[in-house]
């Protein structure tokens, strides 16, 4: 399925980004 090739990297990038934001918020507080 072609959309999965687009969706999967996008989901991984979003997960990595939100984890990065969570870590930087933890360091800031």
PDB file of N, CA and C in Angstrom:
ATOM      1  N   UNK A   1       0.850  -1.200   0.000  1.00  0.00           N
ATOM      2  CA  UNK A   1       0.000   0.000   0.000  1.00  0.00           C
ATOM      3  C   UNK A   1       0.885   1.249   0.000  1.00  0.00           C
ATOM      4  N   UNK A   2       0.623   2.155  -0.907  1.00  0.00           N
ATOM      5  CA  UNK A   2       1.525   3.282  -1.113  1.00  0.00           C
ATOM      6  C   UNK A   2       1.475   4.292   0.030  1.00  0.00           C
ATOM      7  N   UNK A   3       0.285   4.488   0.601  1.00  0.00           N
ATOM      8  CA  UNK A   3       0.149   5.500   1.658  1.00  0.00           C
ATOM      9  C   UNK A   3       0.940   5.112   2.907  1.00  0.00           C
ATOM     10  N   UNK A   4       1.114   3.796   3.121  1.00  0.00           N
ATOM     11  CA  UNK A   4       1.852   3.342   4.296  1.00  0.00           C
ATOM     12  C   UNK A   4       3.309   3.764   4.237  1.00  0.00           C
ATOM     13  N   UNK A   5       3.869   3.814   3.005  1.00  0.00           N
ATOM     14  CA  UNK A   5       5.258   4.237   2.838  1.00  0.00           C
ATOM     15  C   UNK A   5       5.436   5.695   3.244  1.00  0.00           C
ATOM     16  N   UNK A   6       4.368   6.473   3.141  1.00  0.00           N
ATOM     17  CA  UNK A   6       4.412   7.876   3.546  1.00  0.00           C
ATOM     18  C   UNK A   6       4.081   8.002   5.034  1.00  0.00           C
ATOM     19  N   UNK A   7       3.087   7.232   5.465  1.00  0.00           N
ATOM     20  CA  UNK A   7       2.594   7.370   6.836  1.00  0.00           C
ATOM     21  C   UNK A   7       3.579   6.869   7.874  1.00  0.00           C
ATOM     22  N   UNK A   8       4.238   5.746   7.590  1.00  0.00           N
ATOM     23  CA  UNK A   8       5.118   5.136   8.587  1.00  0.00           C
ATOM     24  C   UNK A   8       6.284   6.044   8.989  1.00  0.00           C
ATOM     25  N   UNK A   9       7.062   6.603   8.042  1.00  0.00           N
ATOM     26  CA  UNK A   9       8.137   7.519   8.434  1.00  0.00           C
ATOM     27  C   UNK A   9       7.605   8.766   9.144  1.00  0.00           C
ATOM     28  N   UNK A  10       6.433   9.224   8.720  1.00  0.00           N
ATOM     29  CA  UNK A  10       5.839  10.398   9.360  1.00  0.00           C
ATOM     30  C   UNK A  10       5.497  10.103  10.814  1.00  0.00           C
ATOM     31  N   UNK A  11       4.942   8.923  11.060  1.00  0.00           N
ATOM     32  CA  UNK A  11       4.602   8.525  12.425  1.00  0.00           C
ATOM     33  C   UNK A  11       5.857   8.378  13.284  1.00  0.00           C
ATOM     34  N   UNK A  12       6.914   7.804  12.703  1.00  0.00           N
ATOM     35  CA  UNK A  12       8.166   7.645  13.441  1.00  0.00           C
ATOM     36  C   UNK A  12       8.783   8.998  13.766  1.00  0.00           C
ATOM     37  N   UNK A  13       8.726   9.920  12.803  1.00  0.00           N
ATOM     38  CA  UNK A  13       9.276  11.256  13.019  1.00  0.00           C
ATOM     39  C   UNK A  13       8.499  11.985  14.109  1.00  0.00           C
ATOM     40  N   UNK A  14       7.178  11.848  14.084  1.00  0.00           N
ATOM     41  CA  UNK A  14       6.341  12.479  15.103  1.00  0.00           C
ATOM     42  C   UNK A  14       6.642  11.916  16.487  1.00  0.00           C
ATOM     43  N   UNK A  15       6.831  10.601  16.558  1.00  0.00           N
ATOM     44  CA  UNK A  15       7.139   9.958  17.834  1.00  0.00           C
ATOM     45  C   UNK A  15       8.486  10.431  18.369  1.00  0.00           C
ATOM     46  N   UNK A  16       9.486  10.516  17.490  1.00  0.00           N
ATOM     47  CA  UNK A  16      10.804  10.981  17.906  1.00  0.00           C
ATOM     48  C   UNK A  16      10.749  12.437  18.347  1.00  0.00           C
ATOM     49  N   UNK A  17       9.980  13.258  17.626  1.00  0.00           N
ATOM     50  CA  UNK A  17       9.883  14.677  17.948  1.00  0.00           C
ATOM     51  C   UNK A  17       9.201  14.892  19.298  1.00  0.00           C
ATOM     52  N   UNK A  18       8.098  14.177  19.534  1.00  0.00           N
ATOM     53  CA  UNK A  18       7.380  14.343  20.801  1.00  0.00           C
ATOM     54  C   UNK A  18       8.215  13.845  21.970  1.00  0.00           C
ATOM     55  N   UNK A  19       9.016  12.787  21.733  1.00  0.00           N
ATOM     56  CA  UNK A  19       9.903  12.295  22.790  1.00  0.00           C
ATOM     57  C   UNK A  19      10.995  13.317  23.080  1.00  0.00           C
ATOM     58  N   UNK A  20      11.494  13.949  22.034  1.00  0.00           N
ATOM     59  CA  UNK A  20      12.519  14.981  22.200  1.00  0.00           C
ATOM     60  C   UNK A  20      11.963  16.168  22.989  1.00  0.00           C
ATOM     61  N   UNK A  21      10.733  16.572  22.670  1.00  0.00           N
ATOM     62  CA  UNK A  21      10.091  17.673  23.381  1.00  0.00           C
ATOM     63  C   UNK A  21       9.881  17.304  24.851  1.00  0.00           C
ATOM     64  N   UNK A  22       9.483  16.054  25.096  1.00  0.00           N
ATOM     65  CA  UNK A  22       9.251  15.584  26.461  1.00  0.00           C
ATOM     66  C   UNK A  22      10.546  15.623  27.263  1.00  0.00           C
ATOM     67  N   UNK A  23      11.647  15.188  26.654  1.00  0.00           N
ATOM     68  CA  UNK A  23      12.946  15.176  27.331  1.00  0.00           C
ATOM     69  C   UNK A  23      13.412  16.599  27.614  1.00  0.00           C
ATOM     70  N   UNK A  24      13.274  17.498  26.634  1.00  0.00           N
ATOM     71  CA  UNK A  24      13.741  18.867  26.841  1.00  0.00           C
ATOM     72  C   UNK A  24      12.876  19.593  27.877  1.00  0.00           C
ATOM     73  N   UNK A  25      11.598  19.245  27.950  1.00  0.00           N
ATOM     74  CA  UNK A  25      10.746  19.821  28.996  1.00  0.00           C
ATOM     75  C   UNK A  25      11.172  19.317  30.367  1.00  0.00           C
ATOM     76  N   UNK A  26      11.538  18.042  30.435  1.00  0.00           N
ATOM     77  CA  UNK A  26      11.997  17.460  31.696  1.00  0.00           C
ATOM     78  C   UNK A  26      13.291  18.104  32.167  1.00  0.00           C
ATOM     79  N   UNK A  27      14.181  18.432  31.217  1.00  0.00           N
ATOM     80  CA  UNK A  27      15.443  19.071  31.575  1.00  0.00           C
ATOM     81  C   UNK A  27      15.225  20.518  31.996  1.00  0.00           C
ATOM     82  N   UNK A  28      14.231  21.169  31.391  1.00  0.00           N
ATOM     83  CA  UNK A  28      13.999  22.585  31.655  1.00  0.00           C
ATOM     84  C   UNK A  28      13.409  22.802  33.052  1.00  0.00           C
ATOM     85  N   UNK A  29      12.578  21.866  33.505  1.00  0.00           N
ATOM     86  CA  UNK A  29      11.910  22.056  34.792  1.00  0.00           C
ATOM     87  C   UNK A  29      12.810  21.693  35.969  1.00  0.00           C
TER      88      UNK A  29
END
